[in-house]
Amino acid sequence: AQWMKAASGVIHSEMPRQTDGLMRGFQLWINLPASDKMSDPQYQEFSAAAIPEVAVEGGRVRVLAGEFGTTRGVIEDPATDVLYLDVALDPGAGFRHLLSDVRNAFAYVFEGAARVGTEALPTHALAVLGAGDAVEIEAGGEGARFILVAGRPIGEPVVQHGPFVMSSREEIEQAFADYQDGRLVRTRAAM
């Protein structure tokens, strides 16, 4: 996976390259606090083998960012304290993870089906999780694979237009002007 903090104030993953005729990937864009939006971009690249994997009863958890038990992911984002887990569960297996009640969280099922409480989550379903200190997900009869993402909200206005996410309409207009004048990225990310 390749990760970059872009000058427009987001962190995202680059889409993977096709391997053996197959390709799947997710882009996660995280809004940064206004004070960090125009900071110099950063770049990190990790092979799939570098992402730690934890065996759990009835499945496994790949820890991309944040912590799962005593395992820490390779990606760090101190601005939002992001958690990003890739969870695979056998049929009928359950998954439980403690979450800080100050985080916003969602789960996206991309293989099989699952259930959160009484809510069924078929393939390609996204569940925005409510307040609480834990998430519990149960795999359906064919098993499930999902991503669990959580982060600390920054509590600032969000204005999005095109590829830019800023805190006001004026900042969006300035970002477009900077882009058109070649001033948006003053420092390139070292690769």
N, C-alpha and C. Protein backbone atom coordinates (compact mmCIF):
# COMPACT_ATOMS: atom_id res chain seq x y z
N ALA A 1 0.85 -1.17 0.00
CA ALA A 1 0.00 0.00 0.00
C ALA A 1 0.89 1.22 0.00
N GLN A 2 0.47 2.25 -0.70
CA GLN A 2 1.19 3.51 -0.72
C GLN A 2 0.32 4.55 -0.03
N TRP A 3 0.92 5.36 0.85
CA TRP A 3 0.17 6.35 1.60
C TRP A 3 0.81 7.70 1.42
N MET A 4 -0.01 8.72 1.23
CA MET A 4 0.52 10.06 1.01
C MET A 4 -0.35 11.07 1.73
N LYS A 5 0.29 12.04 2.37
CA LYS A 5 -0.44 13.18 2.91
C LYS A 5 -0.34 14.26 1.85
N ALA A 6 -1.46 14.58 1.24
CA ALA A 6 -1.47 15.54 0.15
C ALA A 6 -1.58 16.96 0.67
N ALA A 7 -1.16 17.91 -0.14
CA ALA A 7 -1.17 19.31 0.28
C ALA A 7 -2.57 19.84 0.49
N SER A 8 -3.58 19.21 -0.10
CA SER A 8 -4.94 19.69 0.06
C SER A 8 -5.54 19.34 1.41
N GLY A 9 -4.79 18.65 2.25
CA GLY A 9 -5.27 18.38 3.59
C GLY A 9 -5.95 17.04 3.76
N VAL A 10 -5.52 16.03 3.03
CA VAL A 10 -6.11 14.71 3.18
C VAL A 10 -5.00 13.67 3.23
N ILE A 11 -5.32 12.53 3.78
CA ILE A 11 -4.41 11.40 3.72
C ILE A 11 -5.15 10.34 2.93
N HIS A 12 -4.49 9.74 1.97
CA HIS A 12 -5.18 8.73 1.18
C HIS A 12 -4.23 7.62 0.79
N SER A 13 -4.80 6.51 0.41
CA SER A 13 -4.00 5.40 -0.09
C SER A 13 -4.12 5.39 -1.61
N GLU A 14 -3.03 5.06 -2.25
CA GLU A 14 -3.03 4.94 -3.70
C GLU A 14 -3.64 3.59 -4.07
N MET A 15 -4.28 3.52 -5.20
CA MET A 15 -4.84 2.25 -5.65
C MET A 15 -3.70 1.31 -6.00
N PRO A 16 -3.86 0.02 -5.70
CA PRO A 16 -2.81 -0.95 -6.00
C PRO A 16 -2.74 -1.25 -7.49
N ARG A 17 -1.63 -1.83 -7.87
CA ARG A 17 -1.46 -2.25 -9.27
C ARG A 17 -2.04 -3.66 -9.44
N GLN A 18 -2.45 -3.96 -10.66
CA GLN A 18 -3.02 -5.28 -10.95
C GLN A 18 -1.96 -6.35 -10.80
N THR A 19 -2.32 -7.46 -10.15
CA THR A 19 -1.42 -8.59 -9.96
C THR A 19 -2.17 -9.86 -10.32
N ASP A 20 -1.59 -10.66 -11.19
CA ASP A 20 -2.20 -11.93 -11.59
C ASP A 20 -3.63 -11.74 -12.09
N GLY A 21 -3.91 -10.66 -12.77
CA GLY A 21 -5.24 -10.43 -13.32
C GLY A 21 -6.25 -9.94 -12.31
N LEU A 22 -5.86 -9.74 -11.05
CA LEU A 22 -6.79 -9.30 -10.01
C LEU A 22 -6.33 -7.99 -9.40
N MET A 23 -7.32 -7.16 -9.01
CA MET A 23 -6.97 -5.92 -8.35
C MET A 23 -8.13 -5.50 -7.47
N ARG A 24 -7.82 -5.12 -6.26
CA ARG A 24 -8.82 -4.56 -5.36
C ARG A 24 -8.09 -3.58 -4.46
N GLY A 25 -8.72 -2.48 -4.20
CA GLY A 25 -8.10 -1.49 -3.32
C GLY A 25 -9.13 -0.51 -2.82
N PHE A 26 -8.77 0.17 -1.77
CA PHE A 26 -9.63 1.19 -1.18
C PHE A 26 -8.83 2.47 -1.02
N GLN A 27 -9.48 3.58 -1.25
CA GLN A 27 -8.88 4.87 -0.95
C GLN A 27 -9.59 5.44 0.26
N LEU A 28 -8.82 5.81 1.25
CA LEU A 28 -9.36 6.42 2.45
C LEU A 28 -8.82 7.83 2.54
N TRP A 29 -9.70 8.80 2.46
CA TRP A 29 -9.32 10.20 2.55
C TRP A 29 -9.73 10.70 3.92
N ILE A 30 -8.80 11.27 4.64
CA ILE A 30 -9.05 11.74 5.99
C ILE A 30 -8.85 13.25 6.03
N ASN A 31 -9.88 13.95 6.46
CA ASN A 31 -9.79 15.40 6.60
C ASN A 31 -8.84 15.73 7.74
N LEU A 32 -7.92 16.64 7.51
CA LEU A 32 -6.98 17.08 8.54
C LEU A 32 -7.47 18.36 9.19
N PRO A 33 -7.00 18.65 10.40
CA PRO A 33 -7.35 19.93 11.03
C PRO A 33 -6.87 21.09 10.15
N ALA A 34 -7.57 22.21 10.24
CA ALA A 34 -7.24 23.39 9.41
C ALA A 34 -5.77 23.76 9.55
N SER A 35 -5.21 23.63 10.75
CA SER A 35 -3.81 24.00 10.97
C SER A 35 -2.83 23.12 10.20
N ASP A 36 -3.27 21.93 9.77
CA ASP A 36 -2.39 21.00 9.05
C ASP A 36 -2.68 20.92 7.56
N LYS A 37 -3.74 21.58 7.10
CA LYS A 37 -4.18 21.38 5.72
C LYS A 37 -3.12 21.74 4.68
N MET A 38 -2.36 22.77 4.90
CA MET A 38 -1.38 23.18 3.89
C MET A 38 0.05 22.79 4.28
N SER A 39 0.19 21.82 5.16
CA SER A 39 1.53 21.35 5.54
C SER A 39 2.17 20.62 4.37
N ASP A 40 3.47 20.45 4.45
CA ASP A 40 4.18 19.75 3.37
C ASP A 40 3.67 18.32 3.26
N PRO A 41 3.51 17.83 2.03
CA PRO A 41 3.04 16.45 1.85
C PRO A 41 4.09 15.45 2.34
N GLN A 42 3.62 14.29 2.75
CA GLN A 42 4.49 13.21 3.19
C GLN A 42 4.09 11.95 2.42
N TYR A 43 5.05 11.07 2.26
CA TYR A 43 4.81 9.85 1.49
C TYR A 43 5.38 8.66 2.26
N GLN A 44 4.62 7.59 2.33
CA GLN A 44 5.08 6.34 2.93
C GLN A 44 4.65 5.20 2.01
N GLU A 45 5.50 4.21 1.86
CA GLU A 45 5.12 3.04 1.08
C GLU A 45 5.45 1.79 1.87
N PHE A 46 4.50 0.84 1.89
CA PHE A 46 4.68 -0.40 2.61
C PHE A 46 4.26 -1.55 1.71
N SER A 47 5.01 -2.61 1.75
CA SER A 47 4.58 -3.82 1.03
C SER A 47 3.48 -4.48 1.84
N ALA A 48 2.71 -5.34 1.21
CA ALA A 48 1.65 -6.06 1.91
C ALA A 48 2.24 -6.88 3.06
N ALA A 49 3.45 -7.39 2.88
CA ALA A 49 4.09 -8.21 3.92
C ALA A 49 4.43 -7.39 5.16
N ALA A 50 4.55 -6.08 5.04
CA ALA A 50 4.90 -5.23 6.19
C ALA A 50 3.70 -4.96 7.10
N ILE A 51 2.50 -5.24 6.62
CA ILE A 51 1.30 -4.97 7.41
C ILE A 51 1.10 -6.12 8.38
N PRO A 52 1.12 -5.83 9.69
CA PRO A 52 0.99 -6.92 10.67
C PRO A 52 -0.37 -7.59 10.62
N GLU A 53 -0.36 -8.88 10.88
CA GLU A 53 -1.59 -9.68 10.88
C GLU A 53 -1.70 -10.42 12.20
N VAL A 54 -2.90 -10.40 12.78
CA VAL A 54 -3.15 -11.02 14.07
C VAL A 54 -4.21 -12.11 13.88
N ALA A 55 -3.89 -13.31 14.35
CA ALA A 55 -4.88 -14.40 14.31
C ALA A 55 -5.86 -14.19 15.47
N VAL A 56 -7.15 -14.31 15.16
CA VAL A 56 -8.19 -14.24 16.18
C VAL A 56 -9.04 -15.49 16.04
N GLU A 57 -9.80 -15.79 17.07
CA GLU A 57 -10.66 -16.97 17.00
C GLU A 57 -11.64 -16.80 15.83
N GLY A 58 -11.55 -17.69 14.85
CA GLY A 58 -12.45 -17.65 13.71
C GLY A 58 -12.05 -16.66 12.63
N GLY A 59 -10.79 -16.22 12.60
CA GLY A 59 -10.40 -15.30 11.54
C GLY A 59 -9.04 -14.68 11.74
N ARG A 60 -8.86 -13.54 11.10
CA ARG A 60 -7.61 -12.80 11.22
C ARG A 60 -7.88 -11.32 11.02
N VAL A 61 -6.98 -10.48 11.57
CA VAL A 61 -7.09 -9.02 11.48
C VAL A 61 -5.77 -8.48 10.98
N ARG A 62 -5.79 -7.74 9.89
CA ARG A 62 -4.61 -7.02 9.39
C ARG A 62 -4.72 -5.60 9.92
N VAL A 63 -3.66 -5.13 10.56
CA VAL A 63 -3.66 -3.82 11.23
C VAL A 63 -2.89 -2.83 10.36
N LEU A 64 -3.62 -2.00 9.62
CA LEU A 64 -2.98 -1.02 8.78
C LEU A 64 -2.60 0.23 9.58
N ALA A 65 -3.53 0.71 10.40
CA ALA A 65 -3.28 1.90 11.21
C ALA A 65 -3.95 1.72 12.56
N GLY A 66 -3.38 2.34 13.57
CA GLY A 66 -3.93 2.24 14.91
C GLY A 66 -3.45 0.98 15.60
N GLU A 67 -4.19 0.55 16.61
CA GLU A 67 -3.79 -0.62 17.40
C GLU A 67 -4.92 -1.64 17.47
N PHE A 68 -4.52 -2.90 17.45
CA PHE A 68 -5.42 -4.01 17.72
C PHE A 68 -4.72 -4.88 18.75
N GLY A 69 -5.23 -4.88 19.98
CA GLY A 69 -4.53 -5.56 21.06
C GLY A 69 -3.18 -4.89 21.28
N THR A 70 -2.13 -5.68 21.19
CA THR A 70 -0.78 -5.13 21.36
C THR A 70 -0.08 -4.88 20.03
N THR A 71 -0.81 -5.09 18.93
CA THR A 71 -0.23 -4.92 17.60
C THR A 71 -0.55 -3.54 17.06
N ARG A 72 0.48 -2.85 16.59
CA ARG A 72 0.34 -1.50 16.05
C ARG A 72 0.54 -1.54 14.54
N GLY A 73 -0.31 -0.81 13.81
CA GLY A 73 -0.21 -0.74 12.36
C GLY A 73 0.99 0.08 11.92
N VAL A 74 1.30 0.00 10.63
CA VAL A 74 2.48 0.68 10.08
C VAL A 74 2.21 2.16 9.80
N ILE A 75 0.96 2.55 9.70
CA ILE A 75 0.61 3.93 9.34
C ILE A 75 0.16 4.67 10.59
N GLU A 76 0.67 5.88 10.77
CA GLU A 76 0.29 6.69 11.92
C GLU A 76 -0.27 8.01 11.45
N ASP A 77 -1.32 8.46 12.10
CA ASP A 77 -1.93 9.75 11.81
C ASP A 77 -2.30 10.42 13.13
N PRO A 78 -1.37 11.17 13.72
CA PRO A 78 -1.65 11.78 15.02
C PRO A 78 -2.78 12.81 14.98
N ALA A 79 -3.09 13.36 13.82
CA ALA A 79 -4.13 14.40 13.75
C ALA A 79 -5.51 13.85 14.08
N THR A 80 -5.80 12.61 13.65
CA THR A 80 -7.13 12.04 13.89
C THR A 80 -7.09 10.69 14.59
N ASP A 81 -5.90 10.20 14.91
CA ASP A 81 -5.76 8.93 15.62
C ASP A 81 -6.55 7.83 14.91
N VAL A 82 -6.32 7.69 13.60
CA VAL A 82 -7.11 6.78 12.79
C VAL A 82 -6.81 5.31 13.11
N LEU A 83 -7.86 4.51 13.08
CA LEU A 83 -7.79 3.05 13.19
C LEU A 83 -8.26 2.51 11.85
N TYR A 84 -7.50 1.59 11.26
CA TYR A 84 -7.87 1.01 9.98
C TYR A 84 -7.52 -0.48 10.04
N LEU A 85 -8.56 -1.32 10.14
CA LEU A 85 -8.37 -2.76 10.23
C LEU A 85 -9.02 -3.44 9.04
N ASP A 86 -8.37 -4.50 8.54
CA ASP A 86 -8.91 -5.37 7.50
C ASP A 86 -9.18 -6.69 8.20
N VAL A 87 -10.47 -7.05 8.36
CA VAL A 87 -10.87 -8.20 9.16
C VAL A 87 -11.48 -9.28 8.26
N ALA A 88 -11.02 -10.51 8.41
CA ALA A 88 -11.60 -11.66 7.70
C ALA A 88 -12.11 -12.64 8.75
N LEU A 89 -13.39 -13.04 8.62
CA LEU A 89 -14.00 -13.95 9.58
C LEU A 89 -14.55 -15.20 8.89
N ASP A 90 -14.40 -16.33 9.55
CA ASP A 90 -14.99 -17.58 9.09
C ASP A 90 -16.51 -17.51 9.27
N PRO A 91 -17.26 -18.39 8.60
CA PRO A 91 -18.72 -18.40 8.76
C PRO A 91 -19.14 -18.46 10.23
N GLY A 92 -20.02 -17.55 10.62
CA GLY A 92 -20.57 -17.52 11.97
C GLY A 92 -19.65 -16.98 13.05
N ALA A 93 -18.41 -16.66 12.71
CA ALA A 93 -17.46 -16.16 13.71
C ALA A 93 -17.82 -14.73 14.12
N GLY A 94 -17.44 -14.38 15.33
CA GLY A 94 -17.69 -13.04 15.83
C GLY A 94 -16.40 -12.26 16.00
N PHE A 95 -16.52 -10.95 15.95
CA PHE A 95 -15.39 -10.03 16.11
C PHE A 95 -15.82 -8.94 17.07
N ARG A 96 -14.97 -8.64 18.03
CA ARG A 96 -15.24 -7.56 18.99
C ARG A 96 -13.97 -6.74 19.15
N HIS A 97 -14.13 -5.43 19.13
CA HIS A 97 -12.99 -4.53 19.31
C HIS A 97 -13.43 -3.32 20.11
N LEU A 98 -12.65 -2.99 21.13
CA LEU A 98 -12.94 -1.80 21.92
C LEU A 98 -12.58 -0.55 21.12
N LEU A 99 -13.48 0.42 21.17
CA LEU A 99 -13.25 1.70 20.50
C LEU A 99 -13.42 2.82 21.51
N SER A 100 -12.63 3.84 21.35
CA SER A 100 -12.83 5.02 22.18
C SER A 100 -14.17 5.64 21.83
N ASP A 101 -14.93 6.05 22.82
CA ASP A 101 -16.24 6.63 22.53
C ASP A 101 -16.14 8.04 21.96
N VAL A 102 -14.93 8.55 21.78
CA VAL A 102 -14.78 9.86 21.14
C VAL A 102 -14.42 9.71 19.66
N ARG A 103 -14.44 8.50 19.14
CA ARG A 103 -14.15 8.27 17.72
C ARG A 103 -15.44 8.07 16.93
N ASN A 104 -15.41 8.51 15.69
CA ASN A 104 -16.45 8.14 14.73
C ASN A 104 -15.94 6.89 14.02
N ALA A 105 -16.86 5.99 13.66
CA ALA A 105 -16.41 4.72 13.07
C ALA A 105 -17.39 4.22 12.03
N PHE A 106 -16.86 3.41 11.09
CA PHE A 106 -17.71 2.71 10.13
C PHE A 106 -17.09 1.37 9.80
N ALA A 107 -17.94 0.46 9.33
CA ALA A 107 -17.50 -0.85 8.84
C ALA A 107 -18.05 -1.00 7.43
N TYR A 108 -17.21 -1.51 6.53
CA TYR A 108 -17.62 -1.74 5.14
C TYR A 108 -17.34 -3.20 4.79
N VAL A 109 -18.40 -3.94 4.48
CA VAL A 109 -18.28 -5.36 4.13
C VAL A 109 -18.01 -5.46 2.63
N PHE A 110 -16.89 -6.09 2.26
CA PHE A 110 -16.58 -6.22 0.84
C PHE A 110 -16.52 -7.67 0.38
N GLU A 111 -16.67 -8.62 1.29
CA GLU A 111 -16.82 -10.04 0.92
C GLU A 111 -17.79 -10.66 1.91
N GLY A 112 -18.66 -11.52 1.42
CA GLY A 112 -19.59 -12.22 2.31
C GLY A 112 -20.63 -11.28 2.89
N ALA A 113 -21.08 -11.59 4.09
CA ALA A 113 -22.10 -10.79 4.77
C ALA A 113 -21.84 -10.85 6.26
N ALA A 114 -22.37 -9.86 6.96
CA ALA A 114 -22.17 -9.79 8.41
C ALA A 114 -23.41 -9.18 9.06
N ARG A 115 -23.33 -9.04 10.37
CA ARG A 115 -24.41 -8.45 11.15
C ARG A 115 -23.79 -7.62 12.27
N VAL A 116 -24.33 -6.42 12.44
CA VAL A 116 -23.98 -5.57 13.58
C VAL A 116 -25.27 -5.40 14.37
N GLY A 117 -25.33 -5.98 15.55
CA GLY A 117 -26.58 -5.97 16.31
C GLY A 117 -27.65 -6.68 15.50
N THR A 118 -28.75 -5.99 15.24
CA THR A 118 -29.83 -6.58 14.43
C THR A 118 -29.74 -6.16 12.97
N GLU A 119 -28.72 -5.37 12.64
CA GLU A 119 -28.59 -4.83 11.28
C GLU A 119 -27.79 -5.77 10.39
N ALA A 120 -28.42 -6.27 9.31
CA ALA A 120 -27.73 -7.12 8.34
C ALA A 120 -26.86 -6.26 7.44
N LEU A 121 -25.66 -6.76 7.16
CA LEU A 121 -24.73 -6.06 6.28
C LEU A 121 -24.35 -6.99 5.14
N PRO A 122 -25.04 -6.91 3.99
CA PRO A 122 -24.66 -7.74 2.85
C PRO A 122 -23.36 -7.20 2.23
N THR A 123 -22.85 -7.93 1.25
CA THR A 123 -21.66 -7.47 0.53
C THR A 123 -21.89 -6.05 0.01
N HIS A 124 -20.90 -5.21 0.15
CA HIS A 124 -20.87 -3.81 -0.29
C HIS A 124 -21.76 -2.91 0.56
N ALA A 125 -22.05 -3.32 1.79
CA ALA A 125 -22.81 -2.49 2.72
C ALA A 125 -21.85 -1.76 3.65
N LEU A 126 -22.20 -0.52 3.96
CA LEU A 126 -21.42 0.28 4.89
C LEU A 126 -22.31 0.61 6.08
N ALA A 127 -21.78 0.38 7.27
CA ALA A 127 -22.51 0.70 8.49
C ALA A 127 -21.77 1.80 9.23
N VAL A 128 -22.43 2.94 9.42
CA VAL A 128 -21.88 4.00 10.25
C VAL A 128 -22.25 3.63 11.68
N LEU A 129 -21.24 3.46 12.51
CA LEU A 129 -21.47 2.96 13.86
C LEU A 129 -21.81 4.10 14.81
N GLY A 130 -22.74 3.85 15.70
CA GLY A 130 -23.16 4.86 16.67
C GLY A 130 -22.21 4.93 17.84
N ALA A 131 -22.56 5.77 18.78
CA ALA A 131 -21.74 5.97 19.97
C ALA A 131 -21.66 4.68 20.78
N GLY A 132 -20.54 4.46 21.40
CA GLY A 132 -20.35 3.28 22.22
C GLY A 132 -18.87 3.02 22.40
N ASP A 133 -18.55 2.06 23.24
CA ASP A 133 -17.14 1.79 23.52
C ASP A 133 -16.63 0.51 22.87
N ALA A 134 -17.46 -0.16 22.08
CA ALA A 134 -17.01 -1.39 21.41
C ALA A 134 -17.84 -1.61 20.16
N VAL A 135 -17.26 -2.34 19.22
CA VAL A 135 -17.99 -2.78 18.04
C VAL A 135 -18.00 -4.30 18.05
N GLU A 136 -19.16 -4.87 17.75
CA GLU A 136 -19.31 -6.33 17.66
C GLU A 136 -19.94 -6.65 16.32
N ILE A 137 -19.25 -7.49 15.54
CA ILE A 137 -19.71 -7.87 14.21
C ILE A 137 -19.67 -9.38 14.11
N GLU A 138 -20.72 -9.97 13.55
CA GLU A 138 -20.79 -11.42 13.37
C GLU A 138 -20.86 -11.73 11.88
N ALA A 139 -20.03 -12.67 11.44
CA ALA A 139 -20.02 -13.07 10.04
C ALA A 139 -21.24 -13.91 9.72
N GLY A 140 -21.69 -13.82 8.48
CA GLY A 140 -22.80 -14.63 8.00
C GLY A 140 -22.34 -16.04 7.67
N GLY A 141 -23.23 -16.80 7.01
CA GLY A 141 -22.99 -18.20 6.70
C GLY A 141 -21.86 -18.48 5.73
N GLU A 142 -21.44 -17.47 4.98
CA GLU A 142 -20.32 -17.64 4.05
C GLU A 142 -19.05 -16.96 4.54
N GLY A 143 -19.09 -16.46 5.77
CA GLY A 143 -17.97 -15.69 6.28
C GLY A 143 -18.10 -14.24 5.87
N ALA A 144 -17.13 -13.44 6.25
CA ALA A 144 -17.16 -12.02 5.92
C ALA A 144 -15.76 -11.45 5.91
N ARG A 145 -15.58 -10.44 5.10
CA ARG A 145 -14.36 -9.65 5.12
C ARG A 145 -14.81 -8.20 5.07
N PHE A 146 -14.26 -7.39 5.97
CA PHE A 146 -14.66 -5.99 6.06
C PHE A 146 -13.51 -5.14 6.54
N ILE A 147 -13.63 -3.85 6.29
CA ILE A 147 -12.69 -2.91 6.89
C ILE A 147 -13.44 -2.20 8.01
N LEU A 148 -12.73 -1.96 9.08
CA LEU A 148 -13.23 -1.18 10.21
C LEU A 148 -12.35 0.05 10.30
N VAL A 149 -12.97 1.23 10.21
CA VAL A 149 -12.23 2.48 10.24
C VAL A 149 -12.83 3.37 11.31
N ALA A 150 -11.98 3.97 12.12
CA ALA A 150 -12.43 4.88 13.16
C ALA A 150 -11.41 6.01 13.30
N GLY A 151 -11.89 7.18 13.69
CA GLY A 151 -10.98 8.29 13.90
C GLY A 151 -11.62 9.34 14.79
N ARG A 152 -10.76 10.13 15.39
CA ARG A 152 -11.21 11.20 16.26
C ARG A 152 -11.72 12.36 15.40
N PRO A 153 -12.96 12.80 15.62
CA PRO A 153 -13.46 13.94 14.82
C PRO A 153 -12.70 15.21 15.18
N ILE A 154 -12.51 16.07 14.17
CA ILE A 154 -11.77 17.30 14.44
C ILE A 154 -12.69 18.46 14.79
N GLY A 155 -13.99 18.30 14.59
CA GLY A 155 -14.93 19.33 15.03
C GLY A 155 -14.83 20.65 14.30
N GLU A 156 -14.43 20.63 13.05
CA GLU A 156 -14.32 21.85 12.24
C GLU A 156 -15.25 21.74 11.04
N PRO A 157 -15.65 22.88 10.49
CA PRO A 157 -16.48 22.82 9.28
C PRO A 157 -15.74 22.09 8.16
N VAL A 158 -16.50 21.41 7.31
CA VAL A 158 -15.94 20.70 6.17
C VAL A 158 -16.58 21.26 4.91
N VAL A 159 -15.73 21.77 4.01
CA VAL A 159 -16.18 22.25 2.71
C VAL A 159 -15.37 21.49 1.67
N GLN A 160 -16.05 20.73 0.82
CA GLN A 160 -15.39 19.91 -0.17
C GLN A 160 -15.84 20.35 -1.55
N HIS A 161 -14.88 20.45 -2.46
CA HIS A 161 -15.18 20.73 -3.86
C HIS A 161 -14.07 20.12 -4.69
N GLY A 162 -14.44 19.27 -5.65
CA GLY A 162 -13.42 18.59 -6.45
C GLY A 162 -12.50 17.81 -5.53
N PRO A 163 -11.20 17.91 -5.73
CA PRO A 163 -10.27 17.14 -4.90
C PRO A 163 -9.91 17.82 -3.58
N PHE A 164 -10.48 18.99 -3.32
CA PHE A 164 -10.07 19.76 -2.14
C PHE A 164 -11.07 19.64 -1.00
N VAL A 165 -10.54 19.53 0.20
CA VAL A 165 -11.34 19.53 1.42
C VAL A 165 -10.73 20.58 2.33
N MET A 166 -11.49 21.63 2.59
CA MET A 166 -11.00 22.73 3.42
C MET A 166 -12.05 23.04 4.48
N SER A 167 -11.86 24.17 5.18
CA SER A 167 -12.77 24.53 6.27
C SER A 167 -13.71 25.67 5.92
N SER A 168 -13.51 26.30 4.76
CA SER A 168 -14.40 27.39 4.34
C SER A 168 -14.41 27.50 2.82
N ARG A 169 -15.42 28.16 2.29
CA ARG A 169 -15.52 28.38 0.85
C ARG A 169 -14.33 29.21 0.35
N GLU A 170 -13.91 30.17 1.15
CA GLU A 170 -12.77 31.02 0.77
C GLU A 170 -11.49 30.18 0.63
N GLU A 171 -11.30 29.22 1.54
CA GLU A 171 -10.12 28.35 1.46
C GLU A 171 -10.18 27.47 0.22
N ILE A 172 -11.36 27.01 -0.16
CA ILE A 172 -11.52 26.21 -1.39
C ILE A 172 -11.14 27.06 -2.59
N GLU A 173 -11.65 28.28 -2.65
CA GLU A 173 -11.33 29.18 -3.77
C GLU A 173 -9.83 29.45 -3.83
N GLN A 174 -9.20 29.63 -2.67
CA GLN A 174 -7.75 29.86 -2.63
C GLN A 174 -7.00 28.62 -3.12
N ALA A 175 -7.46 27.44 -2.73
CA ALA A 175 -6.81 26.20 -3.17
C ALA A 175 -6.88 26.07 -4.69
N PHE A 176 -8.04 26.37 -5.29
CA PHE A 176 -8.17 26.32 -6.75
C PHE A 176 -7.26 27.35 -7.41
N ALA A 177 -7.20 28.55 -6.86
CA ALA A 177 -6.32 29.59 -7.41
C ALA A 177 -4.86 29.16 -7.31
N ASP A 178 -4.47 28.61 -6.16
CA ASP A 178 -3.09 28.13 -6.00
C ASP A 178 -2.78 27.01 -6.99
N TYR A 179 -3.74 26.10 -7.19
CA TYR A 179 -3.54 25.01 -8.13
C TYR A 179 -3.36 25.55 -9.55
N GLN A 180 -4.23 26.46 -9.96
CA GLN A 180 -4.17 27.02 -11.31
C GLN A 180 -2.89 27.81 -11.54
N ASP A 181 -2.35 28.42 -10.49
CA ASP A 181 -1.12 29.21 -10.62
C ASP A 181 0.14 28.40 -10.32
N GLY A 182 -0.02 27.08 -10.09
CA GLY A 182 1.13 26.23 -9.82
C GLY A 182 1.74 26.41 -8.44
N ARG A 183 0.97 26.94 -7.49
CA ARG A 183 1.49 27.21 -6.14
C ARG A 183 0.95 26.24 -5.09
N LEU A 184 0.09 25.31 -5.47
CA LEU A 184 -0.56 24.46 -4.47
C LEU A 184 0.44 23.61 -3.70
N VAL A 185 1.30 22.91 -4.40
CA VAL A 185 2.31 22.09 -3.74
C VAL A 185 3.63 22.81 -3.85
N ARG A 186 4.04 23.38 -2.72
CA ARG A 186 5.29 24.13 -2.69
C ARG A 186 6.48 23.18 -2.49
N THR A 187 6.25 22.10 -1.79
CA THR A 187 7.29 21.10 -1.51
C THR A 187 6.75 19.73 -1.93
N ARG A 188 7.47 19.04 -2.75
CA ARG A 188 7.04 17.70 -3.18
C ARG A 188 7.37 16.68 -2.10
N ALA A 189 6.54 15.66 -2.00
CA ALA A 189 6.80 14.56 -1.05
C ALA A 189 8.00 13.77 -1.53
N ALA A 190 8.91 13.46 -0.61
CA ALA A 190 10.06 12.63 -0.95
C ALA A 190 9.59 11.20 -1.13
N MET A 191 10.02 10.58 -2.22
CA MET A 191 9.60 9.19 -2.50
C MET A 191 10.80 8.29 -2.48
